[in-house]
Amino acid sequence: MAITGRFVLLAFAALAPLVLFPAWTTVLLVAGVLLLFLVIDLVLAASPAKVTLERRQPPNVTLESSVTATLTVTNGSRRRLRAVVRDAWQPSAGAANAVQSLAVPPAERRRMTVTLCPSRRGDLESPHVTIRSLGPLGLAARQRTRPLPGKLRVLPPFHSKRHLPSKLRKLRELDGRAAVQIRGAGTEFDSLRDYVRGDDVRSIDWRATARRTSVVVRTWRPERDRRVVIVLDTSRTAAARIADEPRLDTGIEAAQLLAVLAERGGDRVDFLAYDRRLRARVESASKGNLLGQLVQAMAPLDAELIELDWQQIPGQVRAVSAHRSLVVLLTALDGGAPEEGLLPLVARLATQHVVVVASVRDPLLDAMKEERTTASQVFRAAAAERALLERAAVSNQLRQLGAEVVDAHPLELPPMLADAYIRLKAAGRL
């Protein structure tokens, strides 16, 4: 700014005698001098074409976390680079300092650090970097946009992870690895022990009893190495926002908790995201990296504004597991006509598999049902009551077909789905 001020003063001093000339001549001379200064400033600006750029950032970040992306700017020209650099991250990346000023001497480099705070999951991109090279007077600049693709995958958060220790503790109790013993749980033979009052007489091993002087009973433990197939609905109903969160994101949270819990319980887990075509598939990992594969597959998922193809889901499940499995459907109970899609699907699956239908319920319906002060609130309460009754009717029909139903608010759905899995495990239905 000081250099620019001095040049402006010199320009006025040089043009002061021109007041003796006519007005139009003075205007032309002033414009000519200013144009000369602009041309000189533009010529003295470092060429952005001789600038070398290098990008570096981590490949992944969890939603609601921050990460830094580093941009290295190397000045390959003979002039000092005075530049304004813009890293063109998309708005949802949350780049607060994407535009920065840099001064780079000839044949040197400077690092520009951009802090990213993503506001949504998925793949975020920065396709190019724009460099505006200013002259020494700051009157003119040379600008160039350089392609420099950058990609950052924002992984879904695992908020329901806080429920995992308590659910694992229940599984260990069922499996006999904790101090608490549960009699009669499971269907897989464990060991023999002496009969005590209260044991089920059907568990008496008569052959072992004949070889001993006391009555002996069999003990059981929950079966392991069963198949759990999680099917996530990514059709148009998954785009609905419930409690300021898409229904799809709540389903992702519930699927993560159930998948990790089932894997820790010794079962094989497969995940499918489906609407009219397969959007993602994760098979049970043999090296214990199921959660890592899940979050990578779930990150780019978006709700598609199309109807779910119910008739193709049994084929997708059959491609994963031809044996009896636990099939968990994360879908909506209030989307479309259930008698044409959901109910026939569950009826087909229940003949071979254990089926659980999990759906998120809008807490606003319960709040609207209780507000009846004004006439408009009474109408809204009636609509909410009708919607809840329809959900209850669909749930009863699903239970009559032999399926388990988990219908809960967004924060309650993941732990309640995990509890349903543990109940089925304890009852020996898997």
Protein backbone atom coordinates (compact mmCIF):
# COMPACT_ATOMS: atom_id res chain seq x y z
CA MET A 1 0.00 0.00 0.00
CA ALA A 2 2.89 2.42 0.73
CA ILE A 3 4.39 1.79 -2.72
CA THR A 4 1.04 2.38 -4.35
CA GLY A 5 0.55 5.61 -2.42
CA ARG A 6 3.94 6.95 -3.50
CA PHE A 7 3.23 6.20 -7.15
CA VAL A 8 -0.11 7.92 -6.92
CA LEU A 9 1.53 11.02 -5.44
CA LEU A 10 4.17 10.99 -8.17
CA ALA A 11 1.46 10.68 -10.78
CA PHE A 12 -0.42 13.68 -9.43
CA ALA A 13 2.81 15.68 -9.22
CA ALA A 14 3.64 14.83 -12.82
CA LEU A 15 0.15 15.71 -14.00
CA ALA A 16 -0.16 18.96 -12.03
CA PRO A 17 1.10 21.15 -14.92
CA LEU A 18 -1.58 19.70 -17.14
CA VAL A 19 -4.19 21.96 -15.59
CA LEU A 20 -3.13 24.56 -18.17
CA PHE A 21 -4.38 22.32 -20.97
CA PRO A 22 -8.01 21.86 -21.95
CA ALA A 23 -10.13 19.47 -19.87
CA TRP A 24 -10.40 16.71 -22.49
CA THR A 25 -6.65 16.70 -23.03
CA THR A 26 -6.07 16.38 -19.29
CA VAL A 27 -8.43 13.43 -19.09
CA LEU A 28 -6.65 11.65 -21.91
CA LEU A 29 -3.23 12.23 -20.40
CA VAL A 30 -4.34 11.03 -16.96
CA ALA A 31 -5.88 7.93 -18.47
CA GLY A 32 -2.73 7.27 -20.45
CA VAL A 33 -0.47 7.57 -17.40
CA LEU A 34 -2.71 5.28 -15.33
CA LEU A 35 -2.81 2.78 -18.17
CA LEU A 36 0.96 2.86 -18.33
CA PHE A 37 1.19 2.12 -14.60
CA LEU A 38 -1.25 -0.78 -15.00
CA VAL A 39 0.74 -2.25 -17.86
CA ILE A 40 4.02 -1.92 -15.96
CA ASP A 41 2.44 -3.53 -12.85
CA LEU A 42 1.03 -6.34 -14.97
CA VAL A 43 4.37 -7.01 -16.63
CA LEU A 44 6.20 -7.09 -13.30
CA ALA A 45 3.73 -9.61 -11.80
CA ALA A 46 5.04 -13.16 -11.53
CA SER A 47 3.58 -15.56 -14.06
CA PRO A 48 1.04 -17.98 -12.50
CA ALA A 49 1.84 -20.46 -15.27
CA LYS A 50 5.27 -21.00 -13.70
CA VAL A 51 3.79 -21.85 -10.32
CA THR A 52 3.89 -25.52 -9.29
CA LEU A 53 1.15 -26.83 -7.00
CA GLU A 54 1.08 -29.92 -4.83
CA ARG A 55 -1.91 -31.06 -2.78
CA ARG A 56 -1.92 -33.27 0.28
CA GLN A 57 -4.77 -34.25 2.60
CA PRO A 58 -5.88 -37.42 4.38
CA PRO A 59 -8.22 -39.65 2.36
CA ASN A 60 -10.90 -39.94 5.07
CA VAL A 61 -12.41 -37.96 7.89
CA THR A 62 -15.36 -38.65 10.17
CA LEU A 63 -18.36 -36.36 9.97
CA GLU A 64 -18.37 -33.62 12.63
CA SER A 65 -14.57 -33.79 12.80
CA SER A 66 -12.03 -31.41 11.25
CA VAL A 67 -9.04 -32.08 9.05
CA THR A 68 -6.36 -29.96 7.38
CA ALA A 69 -5.55 -29.96 3.66
CA THR A 70 -2.09 -28.72 2.68
CA LEU A 71 -1.36 -26.93 -0.59
CA THR A 72 2.32 -26.40 -1.46
CA VAL A 73 2.95 -23.45 -3.80
CA THR A 74 6.36 -23.34 -5.57
CA ASN A 75 7.41 -20.17 -7.40
CA GLY A 76 9.29 -21.17 -10.55
CA SER A 77 9.59 -17.65 -11.99
CA ARG A 78 12.36 -15.07 -11.50
CA ARG A 79 10.05 -12.54 -9.87
CA ARG A 80 8.61 -12.49 -6.39
CA LEU A 81 5.14 -14.00 -6.30
CA ARG A 82 2.51 -11.92 -4.54
CA ALA A 83 -0.59 -14.03 -4.92
CA VAL A 84 -4.09 -14.66 -3.68
CA VAL A 85 -4.71 -18.41 -3.80
CA ARG A 86 -8.17 -20.01 -3.66
CA ASP A 87 -8.59 -23.73 -3.05
CA ALA A 88 -11.99 -24.49 -4.62
CA TRP A 89 -13.53 -26.95 -2.14
CA GLN A 90 -17.28 -27.34 -2.42
CA PRO A 91 -19.33 -25.49 0.24
CA SER A 92 -20.25 -28.61 2.25
CA ALA A 93 -16.55 -29.20 2.92
CA GLY A 94 -16.65 -26.26 5.34
CA ALA A 95 -13.37 -24.65 4.23
CA ALA A 96 -13.24 -21.50 6.35
CA ASN A 97 -9.87 -20.22 5.02
CA ALA A 98 -9.95 -21.41 1.43
CA VAL A 99 -8.71 -17.99 0.16
CA GLN A 100 -5.29 -16.89 1.43
CA SER A 101 -2.57 -14.40 0.47
CA LEU A 102 0.94 -15.70 -0.11
CA ALA A 103 4.30 -14.07 -0.80
CA VAL A 104 6.79 -16.50 -2.35
CA PRO A 105 10.34 -15.42 -3.35
CA PRO A 106 11.81 -16.81 -6.60
CA ALA A 107 12.66 -20.55 -6.54
CA GLU A 108 11.09 -21.00 -3.10
CA ARG A 109 7.90 -22.62 -1.82
CA ARG A 110 5.26 -21.87 0.76
CA ARG A 111 2.60 -24.04 2.35
CA MET A 112 -1.03 -23.07 2.54
CA THR A 113 -3.10 -24.95 5.14
CA VAL A 114 -6.88 -25.12 4.73
CA THR A 115 -9.04 -26.34 7.62
CA LEU A 116 -12.00 -28.47 6.52
CA CYS A 117 -15.05 -29.06 8.73
CA PRO A 118 -17.45 -31.13 6.58
CA SER A 119 -21.17 -30.69 7.16
CA ARG A 120 -22.32 -33.85 5.36
CA ARG A 121 -20.95 -37.31 4.66
CA GLY A 122 -19.94 -38.54 1.24
CA ASP A 123 -17.21 -37.72 -1.26
CA LEU A 124 -16.19 -34.05 -1.31
CA GLU A 125 -14.04 -32.61 -4.09
CA SER A 126 -11.86 -29.66 -4.96
CA PRO A 127 -11.42 -29.73 -8.76
CA HIS A 128 -8.97 -26.83 -9.18
CA VAL A 129 -6.93 -24.05 -7.59
CA THR A 130 -7.10 -20.41 -8.70
CA ILE A 131 -3.98 -18.22 -8.48
CA ARG A 132 -4.15 -14.44 -8.80
CA SER A 133 -0.63 -12.98 -9.11
CA LEU A 134 -0.46 -9.27 -8.19
CA GLY A 135 2.09 -6.78 -9.43
CA PRO A 136 4.34 -4.80 -7.08
CA LEU A 137 1.93 -1.82 -7.16
CA GLY A 138 -1.12 -3.93 -6.50
CA LEU A 139 -2.95 -2.26 -9.42
CA ALA A 140 -3.15 -5.24 -11.80
CA ALA A 141 -3.03 -9.02 -11.52
CA ARG A 142 -2.59 -12.08 -13.68
CA GLN A 143 -5.01 -14.90 -12.88
CA ARG A 144 -5.03 -18.54 -13.84
CA THR A 145 -7.07 -21.57 -12.74
CA ARG A 146 -5.04 -24.75 -12.50
CA PRO A 147 -6.67 -28.22 -12.42
CA LEU A 148 -5.62 -29.99 -9.23
CA PRO A 149 -8.20 -32.60 -8.21
CA GLY A 150 -8.58 -33.24 -4.52
CA LYS A 151 -10.96 -35.74 -2.92
CA LEU A 152 -11.98 -36.28 0.68
CA ARG A 153 -14.34 -39.04 1.84
CA VAL A 154 -16.43 -38.06 4.87
CA LEU A 155 -17.34 -41.18 6.83
CA PRO A 156 -20.59 -41.52 8.80
CA PRO A 157 -20.25 -41.02 12.55
CA PHE A 158 -20.79 -43.96 14.88
CA HIS A 159 -22.68 -42.23 17.69
CA SER A 160 -24.37 -45.45 18.83
CA LYS A 161 -20.95 -46.88 19.65
CA ARG A 162 -21.57 -45.84 23.25
CA HIS A 163 -24.18 -48.63 23.49
CA LEU A 164 -21.74 -51.31 22.34
CA PRO A 165 -20.11 -52.19 25.73
CA SER A 166 -23.44 -52.87 27.45
CA LYS A 167 -24.74 -54.96 24.54
CA LEU A 168 -21.52 -56.96 24.38
CA ARG A 169 -21.79 -57.62 28.10
CA LYS A 170 -25.23 -59.16 27.54
CA LEU A 171 -23.84 -61.33 24.76
CA ARG A 172 -21.03 -62.57 26.98
CA GLU A 173 -23.55 -63.47 29.66
CA LEU A 174 -25.43 -65.55 27.11
CA ASP A 175 -22.25 -67.18 25.90
CA GLY A 176 -21.17 -68.18 29.40
CA ARG A 177 -18.02 -66.08 29.39
CA ALA A 178 -19.17 -63.82 32.21
CA ALA A 179 -19.96 -64.59 35.83
CA VAL A 180 -23.71 -64.68 35.19
CA GLN A 181 -25.03 -68.02 33.89
CA ILE A 182 -28.27 -68.25 31.94
CA ARG A 183 -29.81 -71.70 31.90
CA GLY A 184 -31.41 -73.06 28.79
CA ALA A 185 -30.19 -70.24 26.52
CA GLY A 186 -29.30 -71.26 22.99
CA THR A 187 -29.49 -74.54 21.11
CA GLU A 188 -25.82 -75.56 20.79
CA PHE A 189 -24.59 -78.22 23.23
CA ASP A 190 -22.03 -76.95 25.73
CA SER A 191 -21.39 -79.42 28.59
CA LEU A 192 -22.91 -81.73 31.20
CA ARG A 193 -23.53 -80.96 34.86
CA ASP A 194 -25.47 -82.30 37.81
CA TYR A 195 -29.18 -81.67 37.97
CA VAL A 196 -30.38 -78.98 40.40
CA ARG A 197 -33.93 -78.11 41.36
CA GLY A 198 -35.50 -75.84 38.77
CA ASP A 199 -33.75 -77.32 35.71
CA ASP A 200 -35.85 -78.25 32.72
CA VAL A 201 -36.43 -82.01 32.82
CA ARG A 202 -36.26 -82.08 29.03
CA SER A 203 -32.55 -81.29 29.27
CA ILE A 204 -31.77 -84.47 31.25
CA ASP A 205 -29.20 -86.68 29.52
CA TRP A 206 -30.45 -90.15 30.36
CA ARG A 207 -27.46 -91.99 28.93
CA ALA A 208 -25.02 -89.96 31.02
CA THR A 209 -27.31 -90.37 34.02
CA ALA A 210 -27.25 -94.17 33.62
CA ARG A 211 -23.45 -94.14 33.83
CA ARG A 212 -23.47 -92.12 37.03
CA THR A 213 -25.13 -92.22 40.39
CA SER A 214 -26.71 -88.75 39.95
CA VAL A 215 -28.99 -87.11 37.40
CA VAL A 216 -27.08 -85.22 34.69
CA VAL A 217 -28.44 -82.46 32.46
CA ARG A 218 -27.13 -80.90 29.26
CA THR A 219 -26.23 -77.21 29.18
CA TRP A 220 -26.58 -75.12 26.07
CA ARG A 221 -25.04 -71.98 24.70
CA PRO A 222 -26.15 -69.62 21.93
CA GLU A 223 -25.17 -70.83 18.49
CA ARG A 224 -22.32 -69.04 16.77
CA ASP A 225 -21.29 -68.57 13.16
CA ARG A 226 -24.83 -67.75 12.03
CA ARG A 227 -25.56 -65.46 9.12
CA VAL A 228 -26.94 -61.95 9.68
CA VAL A 229 -28.02 -60.13 6.52
CA ILE A 230 -28.74 -56.40 6.91
CA VAL A 231 -30.71 -54.80 4.05
CA LEU A 232 -30.80 -50.99 4.05
CA ASP A 233 -33.52 -49.29 2.02
CA THR A 234 -32.06 -46.42 -0.06
CA SER A 235 -35.23 -45.55 -2.00
CA ARG A 236 -37.18 -42.29 -1.82
CA THR A 237 -38.57 -42.98 1.67
CA ALA A 238 -35.00 -42.89 3.02
CA ALA A 239 -34.75 -39.18 2.08
CA ALA A 240 -37.36 -38.08 4.64
CA ARG A 241 -35.88 -35.97 7.43
CA ILE A 242 -36.79 -37.17 10.92
CA ALA A 243 -35.52 -35.21 13.93
CA ASP A 244 -33.31 -33.09 11.62
CA GLU A 245 -31.63 -36.18 10.17
CA PRO A 246 -32.40 -38.20 7.03
CA ARG A 247 -33.99 -41.57 7.69
CA LEU A 248 -31.09 -43.09 5.75
CA ASP A 249 -28.56 -41.81 8.30
CA THR A 250 -30.52 -43.30 11.19
CA GLY A 251 -30.59 -46.62 9.34
CA ILE A 252 -26.82 -46.41 8.87
CA GLU A 253 -26.33 -45.89 12.62
CA ALA A 254 -28.53 -48.88 13.45
CA ALA A 255 -26.80 -51.07 10.86
CA GLN A 256 -23.36 -50.19 12.23
CA LEU A 257 -24.23 -51.10 15.81
CA LEU A 258 -25.95 -54.35 14.85
CA ALA A 259 -23.16 -55.40 12.48
CA VAL A 260 -20.39 -54.84 15.02
CA LEU A 261 -22.40 -56.53 17.78
CA ALA A 262 -23.18 -59.58 15.64
CA GLU A 263 -19.58 -59.89 14.51
CA ARG A 264 -18.36 -59.74 18.10
CA GLY A 265 -20.98 -62.36 18.91
CA GLY A 266 -19.36 -64.76 16.48
CA ASP A 267 -21.86 -64.43 13.62
CA ARG A 268 -21.17 -63.70 9.97
CA VAL A 269 -22.54 -60.35 8.84
CA ASP A 270 -23.44 -59.17 5.34
CA PHE A 271 -24.68 -55.68 4.49
CA LEU A 272 -26.71 -54.68 1.43
CA ALA A 273 -27.89 -51.20 0.38
CA TYR A 274 -30.62 -51.56 -2.21
CA ASP A 275 -33.45 -49.70 -3.99
CA ARG A 276 -33.74 -50.84 -7.61
CA ARG A 277 -30.14 -51.85 -7.90
CA LEU A 278 -27.43 -52.79 -5.46
CA ARG A 279 -25.79 -49.61 -4.13
CA ALA A 280 -23.34 -51.21 -1.70
CA ARG A 281 -22.40 -54.64 -0.43
CA VAL A 282 -20.08 -55.63 2.40
CA GLU A 283 -19.30 -59.25 3.21
CA SER A 284 -18.27 -60.48 6.61
CA ALA A 285 -14.58 -59.75 7.13
CA SER A 286 -12.30 -62.57 8.20
CA LYS A 287 -9.67 -60.20 9.62
CA GLY A 288 -12.03 -58.33 11.94
CA ASN A 289 -12.17 -55.16 9.83
CA LEU A 290 -15.93 -55.20 9.24
CA LEU A 291 -16.55 -51.72 10.66
CA GLY A 292 -13.91 -50.17 8.41
CA GLN A 293 -15.43 -51.76 5.33
CA LEU A 294 -18.93 -50.71 6.42
CA VAL A 295 -18.16 -47.02 6.87
CA GLN A 296 -16.33 -46.91 3.54
CA ALA A 297 -19.32 -48.45 1.78
CA MET A 298 -21.90 -46.33 3.63
CA ALA A 299 -20.17 -42.96 3.19
CA PRO A 300 -21.23 -42.24 -0.44
CA LEU A 301 -24.78 -43.57 -0.02
CA ASP A 302 -27.63 -41.20 -0.85
CA ALA A 303 -31.36 -41.72 -1.00
CA GLU A 304 -32.53 -42.25 -4.57
CA LEU A 305 -35.87 -40.69 -5.56
CA ILE A 306 -37.26 -43.97 -6.89
CA GLU A 307 -39.49 -46.70 -5.53
CA LEU A 308 -38.00 -49.74 -3.85
CA ASP A 309 -38.17 -52.93 -5.93
CA TRP A 310 -39.53 -55.27 -3.25
CA GLN A 311 -39.63 -58.33 -5.49
CA GLN A 312 -35.86 -58.34 -6.04
CA ILE A 313 -34.88 -58.35 -2.35
CA PRO A 314 -35.37 -62.14 -1.81
CA GLY A 315 -33.02 -62.77 -4.72
CA GLN A 316 -30.45 -60.41 -3.24
CA VAL A 317 -30.67 -62.18 0.12
CA ARG A 318 -30.43 -65.58 -1.58
CA ALA A 319 -27.27 -64.47 -3.37
CA VAL A 320 -25.70 -63.72 0.01
CA SER A 321 -26.94 -66.69 2.00
CA ALA A 322 -28.87 -69.74 0.86
CA HIS A 323 -29.21 -71.02 4.44
CA ARG A 324 -31.43 -69.91 7.28
CA SER A 325 -30.32 -66.45 8.37
CA LEU A 326 -31.40 -63.43 10.33
CA VAL A 327 -32.60 -60.88 7.75
CA VAL A 328 -32.92 -57.31 9.04
CA LEU A 329 -34.86 -54.88 6.85
CA LEU A 330 -34.18 -51.21 7.62
CA THR A 331 -37.06 -49.53 5.83
CA ALA A 332 -40.13 -47.34 6.37
CA LEU A 333 -43.48 -48.54 7.69
CA ASP A 334 -45.36 -45.56 6.30
CA GLY A 335 -44.13 -45.45 2.69
CA GLY A 336 -46.52 -46.41 -0.09
CA ALA A 337 -48.89 -49.39 0.20
CA PRO A 338 -47.44 -52.02 2.57
CA GLU A 339 -49.91 -54.67 1.38
CA GLU A 340 -48.33 -54.45 -2.09
CA GLY A 341 -44.66 -54.37 -1.11
CA LEU A 342 -43.52 -54.89 2.47
CA LEU A 343 -46.06 -57.48 3.61
CA PRO A 344 -45.64 -59.88 0.65
CA LEU A 345 -41.86 -59.55 0.96
CA VAL A 346 -41.85 -60.44 4.66
CA ALA A 347 -44.22 -63.35 4.01
CA ARG A 348 -41.75 -64.78 1.46
CA LEU A 349 -38.67 -64.25 3.62
CA ALA A 350 -40.27 -65.59 6.81
CA THR A 351 -40.72 -69.03 5.27
CA GLN A 352 -36.95 -69.57 5.31
CA HIS A 353 -35.38 -66.86 7.48
CA VAL A 354 -35.87 -65.05 10.76
CA VAL A 355 -37.01 -61.57 9.76
CA VAL A 356 -36.71 -58.31 11.68
CA VAL A 357 -38.23 -55.12 10.29
CA ALA A 358 -36.71 -51.97 11.79
CA SER A 359 -38.14 -48.52 11.12
CA VAL A 360 -37.62 -45.05 12.56
CA ARG A 361 -40.67 -43.22 13.92
CA ASP A 362 -40.93 -39.46 13.86
CA PRO A 363 -41.06 -38.11 17.46
CA LEU A 364 -43.02 -35.15 16.12
CA LEU A 365 -46.04 -37.43 15.74
CA ASP A 366 -46.09 -38.16 19.49
CA ALA A 367 -45.69 -34.46 20.27
CA MET A 368 -48.47 -33.43 17.87
CA LYS A 369 -50.81 -36.03 19.34
CA GLU A 370 -50.65 -34.38 22.76
CA GLU A 371 -51.22 -30.76 21.62
CA ARG A 372 -54.96 -30.03 21.39
CA THR A 373 -55.35 -26.45 22.58
CA THR A 374 -56.47 -24.77 19.35
CA ALA A 375 -58.59 -26.01 16.47
CA SER A 376 -55.59 -26.36 14.15
CA GLN A 377 -53.74 -28.37 16.81
CA VAL A 378 -56.75 -30.67 17.15
CA PHE A 379 -56.66 -31.39 13.41
CA ARG A 380 -52.91 -32.03 13.55
CA ALA A 381 -53.38 -34.30 16.56
CA ALA A 382 -56.01 -36.29 14.67
CA ALA A 383 -53.68 -36.68 11.69
CA ALA A 384 -50.82 -37.77 13.96
CA GLU A 385 -53.08 -40.26 15.75
CA ARG A 386 -54.17 -41.72 12.42
CA ALA A 387 -50.57 -42.06 11.23
CA LEU A 388 -49.57 -43.84 14.46
CA LEU A 389 -52.56 -46.18 14.22
CA GLU A 390 -51.65 -47.08 10.65
CA ARG A 391 -48.06 -47.84 11.73
CA ALA A 392 -49.36 -50.00 14.57
CA ALA A 393 -51.65 -51.88 12.17
CA VAL A 394 -48.77 -52.59 9.78
CA SER A 395 -46.60 -53.73 12.72
CA ASN A 396 -49.31 -56.15 13.89
CA GLN A 397 -49.63 -57.60 10.39
CA LEU A 398 -45.86 -58.11 10.22
CA ARG A 399 -45.87 -59.90 13.58
CA GLN A 400 -48.67 -62.17 12.40
CA LEU A 401 -46.44 -63.14 9.48
CA GLY A 402 -43.75 -64.18 11.98
CA ALA A 403 -41.48 -61.13 11.82
CA GLU A 404 -40.08 -59.08 14.68
CA VAL A 405 -40.79 -55.34 14.45
CA VAL A 406 -38.65 -52.56 15.93
CA ASP A 407 -40.36 -49.17 15.59
CA ALA A 408 -38.56 -46.47 17.55
CA HIS A 409 -37.39 -42.85 17.59
CA PRO A 410 -34.05 -42.02 15.88
CA LEU A 411 -31.91 -42.15 19.03
CA GLU A 412 -33.64 -45.29 20.31
CA LEU A 413 -33.62 -47.36 17.12
CA PRO A 414 -29.96 -48.60 17.20
CA PRO A 415 -30.01 -49.91 20.81
CA MET A 416 -33.51 -51.37 20.44
CA LEU A 417 -32.49 -53.22 17.28
CA ALA A 418 -29.45 -54.57 19.12
CA ASP A 419 -31.72 -55.72 21.97
CA ALA A 420 -33.96 -57.53 19.47
CA TYR A 421 -30.91 -59.38 18.13
CA ILE A 422 -29.86 -60.39 21.65
CA ARG A 423 -33.40 -61.64 22.45
CA LEU A 424 -33.43 -63.81 19.33
CA LYS A 425 -29.98 -65.09 20.23
CA ALA A 426 -31.08 -65.94 23.78
CA ALA A 427 -34.22 -67.70 22.57
CA GLY A 428 -32.19 -69.88 20.21
CA ARG A 429 -34.05 -68.68 17.12
CA LEU A 430 -30.89 -67.93 15.12
